[in-house]
């Protein structure tokens, strides 16, 4: 699994690619854990357009990230779910636990006009 991160104002954009399962979930958690403790990150935005599958172990990582962000009044957003991943979110009701948006632009527009402008400028 490949995970890229980018700072857009007070939003950390995290872009994982591949499968999030038993063998790769540690990579995602390793990318997220430094971010959820940073004071300059009010929102974690995960762009899932490149994620083709997520297992229960991957969902656990998202739950941990969600709890960490909520504990400090932060937010975690998910954008760009592929159909199979969207179905997994629906079955597990993670689409009710996490804020899900169709696109990164939609998510950024909901939380930070400054981050949206920075995203559009790149």
PDB file of N, CA and C in Angstrom:
ATOM      1  N   UNK A   1       0.844  -1.185   0.000  1.00  0.00           N
ATOM      2  CA  UNK A   1       0.000   0.000   0.000  1.00  0.00           C
ATOM      3  C   UNK A   1       0.881   1.236   0.000  1.00  0.00           C
ATOM      4  N   UNK A   2       0.489   2.181  -0.815  1.00  0.00           N
ATOM      5  CA  UNK A   2       1.169   3.456  -0.899  1.00  0.00           C
ATOM      6  C   UNK A   2       0.284   4.497  -0.231  1.00  0.00           C
ATOM      7  N   UNK A   3       0.860   5.336   0.645  1.00  0.00           N
ATOM      8  CA  UNK A   3       0.100   6.390   1.319  1.00  0.00           C
ATOM      9  C   UNK A   3       0.869   7.700   1.177  1.00  0.00           C
ATOM     10  N   UNK A   4       0.202   8.681   0.573  1.00  0.00           N
ATOM     11  CA  UNK A   4       0.792  10.009   0.433  1.00  0.00           C
ATOM     12  C   UNK A   4       0.011  10.974   1.316  1.00  0.00           C
ATOM     13  N   UNK A   5       0.700  11.971   1.855  1.00  0.00           N
ATOM     14  CA  UNK A   5       0.025  12.989   2.649  1.00  0.00           C
ATOM     15  C   UNK A   5       0.413  14.368   2.139  1.00  0.00           C
ATOM     16  N   UNK A   6      -0.505  15.301   2.368  1.00  0.00           N
ATOM     17  CA  UNK A   6      -0.294  16.676   1.928  1.00  0.00           C
ATOM     18  C   UNK A   6      -1.048  17.598   2.872  1.00  0.00           C
ATOM     19  N   UNK A   7      -0.422  18.679   3.276  1.00  0.00           N
ATOM     20  CA  UNK A   7      -1.048  19.649   4.172  1.00  0.00           C
ATOM     21  C   UNK A   7      -1.708  20.744   3.340  1.00  0.00           C
ATOM     22  N   UNK A   8      -2.975  21.007   3.612  1.00  0.00           N
ATOM     23  CA  UNK A   8      -3.740  22.073   2.964  1.00  0.00           C
ATOM     24  C   UNK A   8      -4.329  22.943   4.062  1.00  0.00           C
ATOM     25  N   UNK A   9      -3.587  23.921   4.515  1.00  0.00           N
ATOM     26  CA  UNK A   9      -4.038  24.722   5.653  1.00  0.00           C
ATOM     27  C   UNK A   9      -4.097  23.845   6.885  1.00  0.00           C
ATOM     28  N   UNK A  10      -5.277  23.810   7.527  1.00  0.00           N
ATOM     29  CA  UNK A  10      -5.422  22.970   8.727  1.00  0.00           C
ATOM     30  C   UNK A  10      -6.006  21.594   8.409  1.00  0.00           C
ATOM     31  N   UNK A  11      -5.992  21.231   7.123  1.00  0.00           N
ATOM     32  CA  UNK A  11      -6.488  19.926   6.678  1.00  0.00           C
ATOM     33  C   UNK A  11      -5.305  19.078   6.208  1.00  0.00           C
ATOM     34  N   UNK A  12      -5.210  17.868   6.730  1.00  0.00           N
ATOM     35  CA  UNK A  12      -4.218  16.904   6.250  1.00  0.00           C
ATOM     36  C   UNK A  12      -4.922  15.980   5.273  1.00  0.00           C
ATOM     37  N   UNK A  13      -4.497  16.034   4.016  1.00  0.00           N
ATOM     38  CA  UNK A  13      -5.049  15.169   2.982  1.00  0.00           C
ATOM     39  C   UNK A  13      -4.194  13.913   2.911  1.00  0.00           C
ATOM     40  N   UNK A  14      -4.832  12.770   3.131  1.00  0.00           N
ATOM     41  CA  UNK A  14      -4.147  11.478   3.127  1.00  0.00           C
ATOM     42  C   UNK A  14      -4.705  10.678   1.948  1.00  0.00           C
ATOM     43  N   UNK A  15      -3.781  10.210   1.085  1.00  0.00           N
ATOM     44  CA  UNK A  15      -4.197   9.524  -0.135  1.00  0.00           C
ATOM     45  C   UNK A  15      -3.605   8.118  -0.160  1.00  0.00           C
ATOM     46  N   UNK A  16      -4.342   7.137   0.388  1.00  0.00           N
ATOM     47  CA  UNK A  16      -3.881   5.744   0.302  1.00  0.00           C
ATOM     48  C   UNK A  16      -4.257   5.144  -1.055  1.00  0.00           C
ATOM     49  N   UNK A  17      -3.496   4.170  -1.481  1.00  0.00           N
ATOM     50  CA  UNK A  17      -3.800   3.476  -2.729  1.00  0.00           C
ATOM     51  C   UNK A  17      -3.571   1.986  -2.535  1.00  0.00           C
ATOM     52  N   UNK A  18      -4.492   1.185  -3.068  1.00  0.00           N
ATOM     53  CA  UNK A  18      -4.398  -0.271  -2.956  1.00  0.00           C
ATOM     54  C   UNK A  18      -5.443  -0.821  -2.009  1.00  0.00           C
ATOM     55  N   UNK A  19      -5.120  -1.944  -1.405  1.00  0.00           N
ATOM     56  CA  UNK A  19      -6.013  -2.614  -0.468  1.00  0.00           C
ATOM     57  C   UNK A  19      -5.641  -2.225   0.958  1.00  0.00           C
ATOM     58  N   UNK A  20      -6.654  -2.035   1.800  1.00  0.00           N
ATOM     59  CA  UNK A  20      -6.428  -1.802   3.229  1.00  0.00           C
ATOM     60  C   UNK A  20      -6.921  -3.065   3.927  1.00  0.00           C
ATOM     61  N   UNK A  21      -5.975  -3.941   4.265  1.00  0.00           N
ATOM     62  CA  UNK A  21      -6.338  -5.222   4.868  1.00  0.00           C
ATOM     63  C   UNK A  21      -5.314  -5.588   5.934  1.00  0.00           C
ATOM     64  N   UNK A  22      -5.324  -6.832   6.356  1.00  0.00           N
ATOM     65  CA  UNK A  22      -4.434  -7.313   7.423  1.00  0.00           C
ATOM     66  C   UNK A  22      -2.968  -6.971   7.155  1.00  0.00           C
ATOM     67  N   UNK A  23      -2.537  -7.135   5.925  1.00  0.00           N
ATOM     68  CA  UNK A  23      -1.116  -6.943   5.621  1.00  0.00           C
ATOM     69  C   UNK A  23      -0.735  -5.485   5.363  1.00  0.00           C
ATOM     70  N   UNK A  24      -1.707  -4.600   5.142  1.00  0.00           N
ATOM     71  CA  UNK A  24      -1.375  -3.214   4.797  1.00  0.00           C
ATOM     72  C   UNK A  24      -1.923  -2.171   5.761  1.00  0.00           C
ATOM     73  N   UNK A  25      -2.784  -2.564   6.665  1.00  0.00           N
ATOM     74  CA  UNK A  25      -3.427  -1.574   7.539  1.00  0.00           C
ATOM     75  C   UNK A  25      -2.420  -0.851   8.432  1.00  0.00           C
ATOM     76  N   UNK A  26      -1.315  -1.496   8.775  1.00  0.00           N
ATOM     77  CA  UNK A  26      -0.291  -0.839   9.591  1.00  0.00           C
ATOM     78  C   UNK A  26       0.316   0.354   8.855  1.00  0.00           C
ATOM     79  N   UNK A  27       0.410   0.278   7.538  1.00  0.00           N
ATOM     80  CA  UNK A  27       0.920   1.404   6.748  1.00  0.00           C
ATOM     81  C   UNK A  27      -0.017   2.599   6.850  1.00  0.00           C
ATOM     82  N   UNK A  28      -1.317   2.342   6.772  1.00  0.00           N
ATOM     83  CA  UNK A  28      -2.281   3.429   6.903  1.00  0.00           C
ATOM     84  C   UNK A  28      -2.251   4.013   8.303  1.00  0.00           C
ATOM     85  N   UNK A  29      -2.229   3.162   9.304  1.00  0.00           N
ATOM     86  CA  UNK A  29      -2.178   3.653  10.683  1.00  0.00           C
ATOM     87  C   UNK A  29      -0.895   4.432  10.926  1.00  0.00           C
ATOM     88  N   UNK A  30       0.204   3.959  10.358  1.00  0.00           N
ATOM     89  CA  UNK A  30       1.476   4.663  10.503  1.00  0.00           C
ATOM     90  C   UNK A  30       1.469   6.034   9.867  1.00  0.00           C
ATOM     91  N   UNK A  31       0.718   6.199   8.794  1.00  0.00           N
ATOM     92  CA  UNK A  31       0.601   7.512   8.148  1.00  0.00           C
ATOM     93  C   UNK A  31      -0.338   8.434   8.924  1.00  0.00           C
ATOM     94  N   UNK A  32      -1.389   7.870   9.518  1.00  0.00           N
ATOM     95  CA  UNK A  32      -2.380   8.684  10.223  1.00  0.00           C
ATOM     96  C   UNK A  32      -1.955   9.085  11.632  1.00  0.00           C
ATOM     97  N   UNK A  33      -1.303   8.194  12.355  1.00  0.00           N
ATOM     98  CA  UNK A  33      -1.036   8.446  13.771  1.00  0.00           C
ATOM     99  C   UNK A  33      -0.230   9.714  14.048  1.00  0.00           C
ATOM    100  N   UNK A  34       0.778  10.078  13.253  1.00  0.00           N
ATOM    101  CA  UNK A  34       1.453  11.343  13.537  1.00  0.00           C
ATOM    102  C   UNK A  34       0.546  12.556  13.282  1.00  0.00           C
ATOM    103  N   UNK A  35      -0.403  12.412  12.389  1.00  0.00           N
ATOM    104  CA  UNK A  35      -1.253  13.539  12.016  1.00  0.00           C
ATOM    105  C   UNK A  35      -2.319  13.834  13.056  1.00  0.00           C
ATOM    106  N   UNK A  36      -2.898  12.792  13.673  1.00  0.00           N
ATOM    107  CA  UNK A  36      -4.004  13.048  14.599  1.00  0.00           C
ATOM    108  C   UNK A  36      -3.536  13.700  15.896  1.00  0.00           C
ATOM    109  N   UNK A  37      -2.244  13.760  16.115  1.00  0.00           N
ATOM    110  CA  UNK A  37      -1.735  14.431  17.307  1.00  0.00           C
ATOM    111  C   UNK A  37      -1.224  15.833  17.059  1.00  0.00           C
ATOM    112  N   UNK A  38      -1.197  16.260  15.809  1.00  0.00           N
ATOM    113  CA  UNK A  38      -0.637  17.574  15.491  1.00  0.00           C
ATOM    114  C   UNK A  38      -1.664  18.683  15.701  1.00  0.00           C
ATOM    115  N   UNK A  39      -1.229  19.752  16.365  1.00  0.00           N
ATOM    116  CA  UNK A  39      -2.116  20.880  16.650  1.00  0.00           C
ATOM    117  C   UNK A  39      -2.545  21.615  15.387  1.00  0.00           C
ATOM    118  N   UNK A  40      -1.733  21.570  14.337  1.00  0.00           N
ATOM    119  CA  UNK A  40      -2.070  22.285  13.106  1.00  0.00           C
ATOM    120  C   UNK A  40      -2.972  21.477  12.173  1.00  0.00           C
ATOM    121  N   UNK A  41      -3.438  20.321  12.617  1.00  0.00           N
ATOM    122  CA  UNK A  41      -4.349  19.488  11.819  1.00  0.00           C
ATOM    123  C   UNK A  41      -5.700  19.425  12.532  1.00  0.00           C
ATOM    124  N   UNK A  42      -6.671  20.176  11.996  1.00  0.00           N
ATOM    125  CA  UNK A  42      -8.023  20.162  12.554  1.00  0.00           C
ATOM    126  C   UNK A  42      -8.879  19.092  11.892  1.00  0.00           C
ATOM    127  N   UNK A  43      -8.492  18.713  10.661  1.00  0.00           N
ATOM    128  CA  UNK A  43      -9.274  17.750   9.903  1.00  0.00           C
ATOM    129  C   UNK A  43      -8.355  16.778   9.176  1.00  0.00           C
ATOM    130  N   UNK A  44      -8.680  15.502   9.269  1.00  0.00           N
ATOM    131  CA  UNK A  44      -8.044  14.481   8.441  1.00  0.00           C
ATOM    132  C   UNK A  44      -9.008  14.170   7.306  1.00  0.00           C
ATOM    133  N   UNK A  45      -8.542  14.310   6.088  1.00  0.00           N
ATOM    134  CA  UNK A  45      -9.346  13.985   4.921  1.00  0.00           C
ATOM    135  C   UNK A  45      -8.665  12.850   4.174  1.00  0.00           C
ATOM    136  N   UNK A  46      -9.337  11.723   4.092  1.00  0.00           N
ATOM    137  CA  UNK A  46      -8.791  10.562   3.389  1.00  0.00           C
ATOM    138  C   UNK A  46      -9.427  10.452   2.017  1.00  0.00           C
ATOM    139  N   UNK A  47      -8.601  10.542   1.001  1.00  0.00           N
ATOM    140  CA  UNK A  47      -9.048  10.402  -0.383  1.00  0.00           C
ATOM    141  C   UNK A  47      -8.947   8.918  -0.740  1.00  0.00           C
ATOM    142  N   UNK A  48     -10.090   8.248  -0.791  1.00  0.00           N
ATOM    143  CA  UNK A  48     -10.139   6.805  -1.020  1.00  0.00           C
ATOM    144  C   UNK A  48     -10.353   6.438  -2.488  1.00  0.00           C
ATOM    145  N   UNK A  49     -10.138   7.361  -3.412  1.00  0.00           N
ATOM    146  CA  UNK A  49     -10.357   7.036  -4.828  1.00  0.00           C
ATOM    147  C   UNK A  49      -9.454   5.904  -5.301  1.00  0.00           C
ATOM    148  N   UNK A  50      -8.292   5.731  -4.671  1.00  0.00           N
ATOM    149  CA  UNK A  50      -7.376   4.668  -5.060  1.00  0.00           C
ATOM    150  C   UNK A  50      -7.457   3.419  -4.199  1.00  0.00           C
ATOM    151  N   UNK A  51      -8.418   3.369  -3.285  1.00  0.00           N
ATOM    152  CA  UNK A  51      -8.577   2.204  -2.403  1.00  0.00           C
ATOM    153  C   UNK A  51      -9.594   1.261  -3.024  1.00  0.00           C
ATOM    154  N   UNK A  52      -9.144   0.060  -3.321  1.00  0.00           N
ATOM    155  CA  UNK A  52     -10.016  -0.907  -4.003  1.00  0.00           C
ATOM    156  C   UNK A  52     -10.728  -1.861  -3.051  1.00  0.00           C
ATOM    157  N   UNK A  53     -10.272  -1.928  -1.783  1.00  0.00           N
ATOM    158  CA  UNK A  53     -10.884  -2.843  -0.814  1.00  0.00           C
ATOM    159  C   UNK A  53     -10.459  -2.412   0.574  1.00  0.00           C
ATOM    160  N   UNK A  54     -11.349  -2.586   1.559  1.00  0.00           N
ATOM    161  CA  UNK A  54     -10.992  -2.363   2.960  1.00  0.00           C
ATOM    162  C   UNK A  54     -11.604  -3.486   3.789  1.00  0.00           C
ATOM    163  N   UNK A  55     -10.782  -4.070   4.664  1.00  0.00           N
ATOM    164  CA  UNK A  55     -11.251  -5.158   5.529  1.00  0.00           C
ATOM    165  C   UNK A  55     -11.634  -4.588   6.890  1.00  0.00           C
ATOM    166  N   UNK A  56     -12.071  -5.466   7.776  1.00  0.00           N
ATOM    167  CA  UNK A  56     -12.432  -5.037   9.131  1.00  0.00           C
ATOM    168  C   UNK A  56     -11.223  -4.476   9.870  1.00  0.00           C
ATOM    169  N   UNK A  57     -10.041  -4.964   9.564  1.00  0.00           N
ATOM    170  CA  UNK A  57      -8.819  -4.431  10.194  1.00  0.00           C
ATOM    171  C   UNK A  57      -8.595  -2.992   9.735  1.00  0.00           C
ATOM    172  N   UNK A  58      -8.844  -2.724   8.473  1.00  0.00           N
ATOM    173  CA  UNK A  58      -8.742  -1.357   7.962  1.00  0.00           C
ATOM    174  C   UNK A  58      -9.792  -0.443   8.564  1.00  0.00           C
ATOM    175  N   UNK A  59     -11.011  -0.958   8.724  1.00  0.00           N
ATOM    176  CA  UNK A  59     -12.067  -0.175   9.360  1.00  0.00           C
ATOM    177  C   UNK A  59     -11.699   0.153  10.802  1.00  0.00           C
ATOM    178  N   UNK A  60     -11.036  -0.761  11.461  1.00  0.00           N
ATOM    179  CA  UNK A  60     -10.582  -0.521  12.839  1.00  0.00           C
ATOM    180  C   UNK A  60      -9.618   0.654  12.884  1.00  0.00           C
ATOM    181  N   UNK A  61      -8.710   0.743  11.918  1.00  0.00           N
ATOM    182  CA  UNK A  61      -7.772   1.864  11.850  1.00  0.00           C
ATOM    183  C   UNK A  61      -8.549   3.182  11.713  1.00  0.00           C
ATOM    184  N   UNK A  62      -9.573   3.178  10.875  1.00  0.00           N
ATOM    185  CA  UNK A  62     -10.382   4.385  10.713  1.00  0.00           C
ATOM    186  C   UNK A  62     -11.127   4.739  11.994  1.00  0.00           C
ATOM    187  N   UNK A  63     -11.594   3.730  12.721  1.00  0.00           N
ATOM    188  CA  UNK A  63     -12.283   3.993  13.989  1.00  0.00           C
ATOM    189  C   UNK A  63     -11.329   4.597  15.012  1.00  0.00           C
ATOM    190  N   UNK A  64     -10.121   4.071  15.076  1.00  0.00           N
ATOM    191  CA  UNK A  64      -9.115   4.629  15.991  1.00  0.00           C
ATOM    192  C   UNK A  64      -8.830   6.083  15.627  1.00  0.00           C
ATOM    193  N   UNK A  65      -8.633   6.351  14.339  1.00  0.00           N
ATOM    194  CA  UNK A  65      -8.367   7.721  13.885  1.00  0.00           C
ATOM    195  C   UNK A  65      -9.541   8.640  14.228  1.00  0.00           C
ATOM    196  N   UNK A  66     -10.754   8.137  14.033  1.00  0.00           N
ATOM    197  CA  UNK A  66     -11.940   8.922  14.350  1.00  0.00           C
ATOM    198  C   UNK A  66     -11.992   9.276  15.833  1.00  0.00           C
ATOM    199  N   UNK A  67     -11.721   8.315  16.681  1.00  0.00           N
ATOM    200  CA  UNK A  67     -11.733   8.565  18.135  1.00  0.00           C
ATOM    201  C   UNK A  67     -10.658   9.567  18.528  1.00  0.00           C
ATOM    202  N   UNK A  68      -9.484   9.428  17.945  1.00  0.00           N
ATOM    203  CA  UNK A  68      -8.388  10.357  18.251  1.00  0.00           C
ATOM    204  C   UNK A  68      -8.746  11.787  17.831  1.00  0.00           C
ATOM    205  N   UNK A  69      -9.323  11.934  16.649  1.00  0.00           N
ATOM    206  CA  UNK A  69      -9.684  13.273  16.175  1.00  0.00           C
ATOM    207  C   UNK A  69     -10.837  13.861  16.992  1.00  0.00           C
ATOM    208  N   UNK A  70     -11.823  13.050  17.309  1.00  0.00           N
ATOM    209  CA  UNK A  70     -12.955  13.553  18.107  1.00  0.00           C
ATOM    210  C   UNK A  70     -12.521  13.950  19.508  1.00  0.00           C
ATOM    211  N   UNK A  71     -11.554  13.252  20.069  1.00  0.00           N
ATOM    212  CA  UNK A  71     -11.079  13.562  21.421  1.00  0.00           C
ATOM    213  C   UNK A  71     -10.508  14.978  21.508  1.00  0.00           C
ATOM    214  N   UNK A  72     -10.057  15.484  20.383  1.00  0.00           N
ATOM    215  CA  UNK A  72      -9.528  16.855  20.385  1.00  0.00           C
ATOM    216  C   UNK A  72     -10.367  17.790  19.509  1.00  0.00           C
ATOM    217  N   UNK A  73     -11.642  17.441  19.344  1.00  0.00           N
ATOM    218  CA  UNK A  73     -12.604  18.227  18.592  1.00  0.00           C
ATOM    219  C   UNK A  73     -12.204  18.413  17.122  1.00  0.00           C
ATOM    220  N   UNK A  74     -11.505  17.414  16.580  1.00  0.00           N
ATOM    221  CA  UNK A  74     -11.157  17.418  15.169  1.00  0.00           C
ATOM    222  C   UNK A  74     -12.150  16.591  14.383  1.00  0.00           C
ATOM    223  N   UNK A  75     -11.956  16.572  13.076  1.00  0.00           N
ATOM    224  CA  UNK A  75     -12.855  15.826  12.195  1.00  0.00           C
ATOM    225  C   UNK A  75     -12.049  14.878  11.323  1.00  0.00           C
ATOM    226  N   UNK A  76     -12.728  13.808  10.907  1.00  0.00           N
ATOM    227  CA  UNK A  76     -12.155  12.904   9.918  1.00  0.00           C
ATOM    228  C   UNK A  76     -13.211  12.720   8.820  1.00  0.00           C
ATOM    229  N   UNK A  77     -12.764  12.926   7.587  1.00  0.00           N
ATOM    230  CA  UNK A  77     -13.646  12.838   6.433  1.00  0.00           C
ATOM    231  C   UNK A  77     -13.098  11.807   5.462  1.00  0.00           C
ATOM    232  N   UNK A  78     -13.996  11.171   4.736  1.00  0.00           N
ATOM    233  CA  UNK A  78     -13.623  10.206   3.710  1.00  0.00           C
ATOM    234  C   UNK A  78     -14.232  10.691   2.395  1.00  0.00           C
ATOM    235  N   UNK A  79     -13.459  10.638   1.333  1.00  0.00           N
ATOM    236  CA  UNK A  79     -13.959  11.067   0.026  1.00  0.00           C
ATOM    237  C   UNK A  79     -13.601  10.042  -1.040  1.00  0.00           C
ATOM    238  N   UNK A  80     -14.440   9.971  -2.065  1.00  0.00           N
ATOM    239  CA  UNK A  80     -14.132   9.180  -3.245  1.00  0.00           C
ATOM    240  C   UNK A  80     -14.184   7.677  -3.076  1.00  0.00           C
ATOM    241  N   UNK A  81     -15.169   7.184  -2.347  1.00  0.00           N
ATOM    242  CA  UNK A  81     -15.270   5.733  -2.162  1.00  0.00           C
ATOM    243  C   UNK A  81     -15.591   5.029  -3.473  1.00  0.00           C
ATOM    244  N   UNK A  82     -14.824   4.000  -3.767  1.00  0.00           N
ATOM    245  CA  UNK A  82     -15.123   3.138  -4.910  1.00  0.00           C
ATOM    246  C   UNK A  82     -16.356   2.299  -4.567  1.00  0.00           C
ATOM    247  N   UNK A  83     -17.100   1.795  -5.553  1.00  0.00           N
ATOM    248  CA  UNK A  83     -18.357   1.081  -5.278  1.00  0.00           C
ATOM    249  C   UNK A  83     -18.230  -0.062  -4.258  1.00  0.00           C
ATOM    250  N   UNK A  84     -17.209  -0.877  -4.361  1.00  0.00           N
ATOM    251  CA  UNK A  84     -17.062  -2.001  -3.411  1.00  0.00           C
ATOM    252  C   UNK A  84     -16.798  -1.479  -2.005  1.00  0.00           C
ATOM    253  N   UNK A  85     -15.940  -0.462  -1.899  1.00  0.00           N
ATOM    254  CA  UNK A  85     -15.616   0.118  -0.587  1.00  0.00           C
ATOM    255  C   UNK A  85     -16.845   0.828  -0.023  1.00  0.00           C
ATOM    256  N   UNK A  86     -17.600   1.505  -0.865  1.00  0.00           N
ATOM    257  CA  UNK A  86     -18.837   2.161  -0.419  1.00  0.00           C
ATOM    258  C   UNK A  86     -19.830   1.128   0.120  1.00  0.00           C
ATOM    259  N   UNK A  87     -19.895  -0.031  -0.527  1.00  0.00           N
ATOM    260  CA  UNK A  87     -20.778  -1.096  -0.051  1.00  0.00           C
ATOM    261  C   UNK A  87     -20.315  -1.615   1.315  1.00  0.00           C
ATOM    262  N   UNK A  88     -19.017  -1.769   1.490  1.00  0.00           N
ATOM    263  CA  UNK A  88     -18.478  -2.214   2.779  1.00  0.00           C
ATOM    264  C   UNK A  88     -18.793  -1.177   3.856  1.00  0.00           C
ATOM    265  N   UNK A  89     -18.637   0.106   3.530  1.00  0.00           N
ATOM    266  CA  UNK A  89     -18.980   1.170   4.480  1.00  0.00           C
ATOM    267  C   UNK A  89     -20.458   1.106   4.843  1.00  0.00           C
ATOM    268  N   UNK A  90     -21.318   0.878   3.855  1.00  0.00           N
ATOM    269  CA  UNK A  90     -22.760   0.823   4.114  1.00  0.00           C
ATOM    270  C   UNK A  90     -23.121  -0.378   4.988  1.00  0.00           C
ATOM    271  N   UNK A  91     -22.574  -1.545   4.663  1.00  0.00           N
ATOM    272  CA  UNK A  91     -22.874  -2.760   5.430  1.00  0.00           C
ATOM    273  C   UNK A  91     -22.411  -2.625   6.880  1.00  0.00           C
ATOM    274  N   UNK A  92     -21.231  -2.047   7.067  1.00  0.00           N
ATOM    275  CA  UNK A  92     -20.666  -1.891   8.410  1.00  0.00           C
ATOM    276  C   UNK A  92     -21.178  -0.635   9.121  1.00  0.00           C
ATOM    277  N   UNK A  93     -21.957   0.183   8.395  1.00  0.00           N
ATOM    278  CA  UNK A  93     -22.519   1.444   8.889  1.00  0.00           C
ATOM    279  C   UNK A  93     -21.449   2.498   9.164  1.00  0.00           C
ATOM    280  N   UNK A  94     -20.276   2.321   8.587  1.00  0.00           N
ATOM    281  CA  UNK A  94     -19.237   3.333   8.721  1.00  0.00           C
ATOM    282  C   UNK A  94     -19.614   4.615   7.986  1.00  0.00           C
ATOM    283  N   UNK A  95     -20.517   4.509   7.022  1.00  0.00           N
ATOM    284  CA  UNK A  95     -20.990   5.716   6.342  1.00  0.00           C
ATOM    285  C   UNK A  95     -21.857   6.570   7.264  1.00  0.00           C
ATOM    286  N   UNK A  96     -22.256   6.019   8.404  1.00  0.00           N
ATOM    287  CA  UNK A  96     -22.998   6.768   9.421  1.00  0.00           C
ATOM    288  C   UNK A  96     -22.061   7.269  10.525  1.00  0.00           C
ATOM    289  N   UNK A  97     -20.919   6.616  10.690  1.00  0.00           N
ATOM    290  CA  UNK A  97     -19.960   6.968  11.734  1.00  0.00           C
ATOM    291  C   UNK A  97     -19.022   8.071  11.257  1.00  0.00           C
ATOM    292  N   UNK A  98     -18.576   7.966  10.011  1.00  0.00           N
ATOM    293  CA  UNK A  98     -17.642   8.929   9.432  1.00  0.00           C
ATOM    294  C   UNK A  98     -18.367   9.803   8.418  1.00  0.00           C
ATOM    295  N   UNK A  99     -17.863  11.013   8.242  1.00  0.00           N
ATOM    296  CA  UNK A  99     -18.426  11.903   7.232  1.00  0.00           C
ATOM    297  C   UNK A  99     -17.879  11.481   5.870  1.00  0.00           C
ATOM    298  N   UNK A 100     -18.780  11.131   4.951  1.00  0.00           N
ATOM    299  CA  UNK A 100     -18.391  10.633   3.634  1.00  0.00           C
ATOM    300  C   UNK A 100     -18.861  11.623   2.569  1.00  0.00           C
ATOM    301  N   UNK A 101     -17.964  11.944   1.649  1.00  0.00           N
ATOM    302  CA  UNK A 101     -18.240  12.884   0.567  1.00  0.00           C
ATOM    303  C   UNK A 101     -17.924  12.230  -0.769  1.00  0.00           C
ATOM    304  N   UNK A 102     -18.618  12.646  -1.835  1.00  0.00           N
ATOM    305  CA  UNK A 102     -18.342  12.044  -3.147  1.00  0.00           C
ATOM    306  C   UNK A 102     -16.939  12.353  -3.668  1.00  0.00           C
ATOM    307  N   UNK A 103     -16.446  13.586  -3.413  1.00  0.00           N
ATOM    308  CA  UNK A 103     -15.136  13.982  -3.923  1.00  0.00           C
ATOM    309  C   UNK A 103     -14.350  14.732  -2.866  1.00  0.00           C
ATOM    310  N   UNK A 104     -13.056  14.848  -3.096  1.00  0.00           N
ATOM    311  CA  UNK A 104     -12.189  15.630  -2.209  1.00  0.00           C
ATOM    312  C   UNK A 104     -12.644  17.084  -2.210  1.00  0.00           C
ATOM    313  N   UNK A 105     -12.970  17.609  -3.380  1.00  0.00           N
ATOM    314  CA  UNK A 105     -13.427  19.008  -3.473  1.00  0.00           C
ATOM    315  C   UNK A 105     -14.686  19.238  -2.626  1.00  0.00           C
ATOM    316  N   UNK A 106     -15.626  18.315  -2.654  1.00  0.00           N
ATOM    317  CA  UNK A 106     -16.837  18.442  -1.842  1.00  0.00           C
ATOM    318  C   UNK A 106     -16.497  18.463  -0.356  1.00  0.00           C
ATOM    319  N   UNK A 107     -15.604  17.587   0.053  1.00  0.00           N
ATOM    320  CA  UNK A 107     -15.212  17.523   1.460  1.00  0.00           C
ATOM    321  C   UNK A 107     -14.507  18.805   1.884  1.00  0.00           C
ATOM    322  N   UNK A 108     -13.576  19.272   1.067  1.00  0.00           N
ATOM    323  CA  UNK A 108     -12.857  20.506   1.401  1.00  0.00           C
ATOM    324  C   UNK A 108     -13.809  21.700   1.451  1.00  0.00           C
ATOM    325  N   UNK A 109     -14.757  21.757   0.539  1.00  0.00           N
ATOM    326  CA  UNK A 109     -15.727  22.853   0.537  1.00  0.00           C
ATOM    327  C   UNK A 109     -16.546  22.869   1.824  1.00  0.00           C
ATOM    328  N   UNK A 110     -16.776  21.699   2.397  1.00  0.00           N
ATOM    329  CA  UNK A 110     -17.565  21.596   3.626  1.00  0.00           C
ATOM    330  C   UNK A 110     -16.787  22.022   4.871  1.00  0.00           C
ATOM    331  N   UNK A 111     -15.451  21.960   4.818  1.00  0.00           N
ATOM    332  CA  UNK A 111     -14.684  22.241   6.036  1.00  0.00           C
ATOM    333  C   UNK A 111     -13.767  23.447   5.962  1.00  0.00           C
ATOM    334  N   UNK A 112     -13.259  23.791   4.786  1.00  0.00           N
ATOM    335  CA  UNK A 112     -12.262  24.847   4.732  1.00  0.00           C
ATOM    336  C   UNK A 112     -12.129  25.458   3.330  1.00  0.00           C
ATOM    337  N   UNK A 113     -12.669  26.659   3.140  1.00  0.00           N
ATOM    338  CA  UNK A 113     -12.476  27.322   1.859  1.00  0.00           C
ATOM    339  C   UNK A 113     -10.988  27.543   1.532  1.00  0.00           C
ATOM    340  N   UNK A 114     -10.179  27.805   2.559  1.00  0.00           N
ATOM    341  CA  UNK A 114      -8.741  28.004   2.346  1.00  0.00           C
ATOM    342  C   UNK A 114      -8.082  26.735   1.832  1.00  0.00           C
ATOM    343  N   UNK A 115      -8.437  25.603   2.419  1.00  0.00           N
ATOM    344  CA  UNK A 115      -7.873  24.324   1.974  1.00  0.00           C
ATOM    345  C   UNK A 115      -8.345  23.995   0.567  1.00  0.00           C
ATOM    346  N   UNK A 116      -9.596  24.320   0.253  1.00  0.00           N
ATOM    347  CA  UNK A 116     -10.120  24.100  -1.094  1.00  0.00           C
ATOM    348  C   UNK A 116      -9.344  24.934  -2.116  1.00  0.00           C
ATOM    349  N   UNK A 117      -9.065  26.189  -1.762  1.00  0.00           N
ATOM    350  CA  UNK A 117      -8.307  27.055  -2.662  1.00  0.00           C
ATOM    351  C   UNK A 117      -6.893  26.520  -2.867  1.00  0.00           C
ATOM    352  N   UNK A 118      -6.274  26.044  -1.789  1.00  0.00           N
ATOM    353  CA  UNK A 118      -4.917  25.473  -1.894  1.00  0.00           C
ATOM    354  C   UNK A 118      -4.930  24.211  -2.742  1.00  0.00           C
ATOM    355  N   UNK A 119      -5.957  23.400  -2.607  1.00  0.00           N
ATOM    356  CA  UNK A 119      -6.083  22.170  -3.397  1.00  0.00           C
ATOM    357  C   UNK A 119      -6.265  22.504  -4.872  1.00  0.00           C
ATOM    358  N   UNK A 120      -7.100  23.507  -5.148  1.00  0.00           N
ATOM    359  CA  UNK A 120      -7.347  23.910  -6.522  1.00  0.00           C
ATOM    360  C   UNK A 120      -6.141  24.546  -7.187  1.00  0.00           C
ATOM    361  N   UNK A 121      -5.283  25.176  -6.387  1.00  0.00           N
ATOM    362  CA  UNK A 121      -4.095  25.846  -6.920  1.00  0.00           C
ATOM    363  C   UNK A 121      -2.998  24.864  -7.315  1.00  0.00           C
ATOM    364  N   UNK A 122      -3.055  23.670  -6.771  1.00  0.00           N
ATOM    365  CA  UNK A 122      -1.992  22.695  -7.037  1.00  0.00           C
ATOM    366  C   UNK A 122      -2.231  21.922  -8.309  1.00  0.00           C
TER     367      UNK A 122
END
